[in-house]
Protein backbone atom coordinates (compact mmCIF):
# COMPACT_ATOMS: atom_id res chain seq x y z
CA UNK A 1 -10.10 5.81 10.49
CA UNK A 2 -12.24 8.48 12.01
CA UNK A 3 -12.38 11.78 10.26
CA UNK A 4 -11.62 13.75 13.40
CA UNK A 5 -8.43 11.66 13.99
CA UNK A 6 -6.88 12.43 11.11
CA UNK A 7 -3.51 14.20 10.88
CA UNK A 8 -1.31 15.85 8.03
CA UNK A 9 0.82 13.24 6.27
CA UNK A 10 -1.79 10.43 6.74
CA UNK A 11 -2.21 8.56 3.37
CA UNK A 12 -5.68 8.10 1.63
CA UNK A 13 -6.58 5.33 -0.82
CA UNK A 14 -9.69 5.89 -3.06
CA UNK A 15 -10.65 2.88 -4.65
CA UNK A 16 -12.59 3.92 -8.70
CA UNK A 17 -14.88 1.45 -10.12
CA UNK A 18 -12.87 1.06 -12.99
CA UNK A 19 -10.31 -0.76 -10.53
CA UNK A 20 -7.88 1.97 -10.45
CA UNK A 21 -6.79 3.20 -6.93
CA UNK A 22 -6.20 7.14 -6.31
CA UNK A 23 -3.73 8.20 -3.81
CA UNK A 24 -4.13 11.14 -1.66
CA UNK A 25 -1.90 12.93 1.21
CA UNK A 26 -3.69 15.07 4.02
CA UNK A 27 -2.01 18.46 3.86
CA UNK A 28 -4.10 20.27 6.81
CA UNK A 29 -7.62 19.47 8.66
CA UNK A 30 -9.69 22.06 10.62
CA UNK A 31 -12.58 21.94 12.47
CA UNK A 32 -15.25 24.10 10.87
CA UNK A 33 -18.41 23.81 13.47
CA UNK A 34 -19.28 20.41 13.49
CA UNK A 35 -17.70 19.22 10.42
CA UNK A 36 -14.00 19.21 9.07
CA UNK A 37 -12.33 20.62 6.25
CA UNK A 38 -9.58 18.13 4.98
CA UNK A 39 -7.30 19.31 2.29
CA UNK A 40 -5.48 16.86 0.14
CA UNK A 41 -2.50 16.67 -2.14
CA UNK A 42 -2.55 14.30 -5.26
CA UNK A 43 -1.03 14.15 -8.37
CA UNK A 44 -3.78 16.46 -9.83
CA UNK A 45 -3.12 18.92 -6.97
CA UNK A 46 -4.54 19.89 -3.74
CA UNK A 47 -8.32 19.81 -3.19
CA UNK A 48 -10.47 20.48 0.03
CA UNK A 49 -13.69 18.88 1.15
CA UNK A 50 -16.12 18.69 4.11
CA UNK A 51 -16.72 15.82 6.10
CA UNK A 52 -18.85 15.24 9.27
CA UNK A 53 -16.49 14.60 12.60
CA UNK A 54 -17.98 10.95 13.05
CA UNK A 55 -17.51 10.01 9.07
CA UNK A 56 -15.03 7.52 8.33
CA UNK A 57 -12.44 7.52 5.52
CA UNK A 58 -9.83 4.38 4.59
CA UNK A 59 -6.43 5.87 5.59
CA UNK A 60 -3.00 4.74 6.45
CA UNK A 61 -0.30 6.51 9.00
């Protein structure tokens, strides 16, 4: 899914090299210039990251 299409509630899956899969939920997304700041929730807590609007991420609605 393109970063600019993410919505709160979307689920993100990150496949680690060790074979484990991390699960994140989009809490908020806001545009900052030509980038998007996405805040995720996981078992470890909240974290934010900046992405280009045309970037892609593996997500499920």
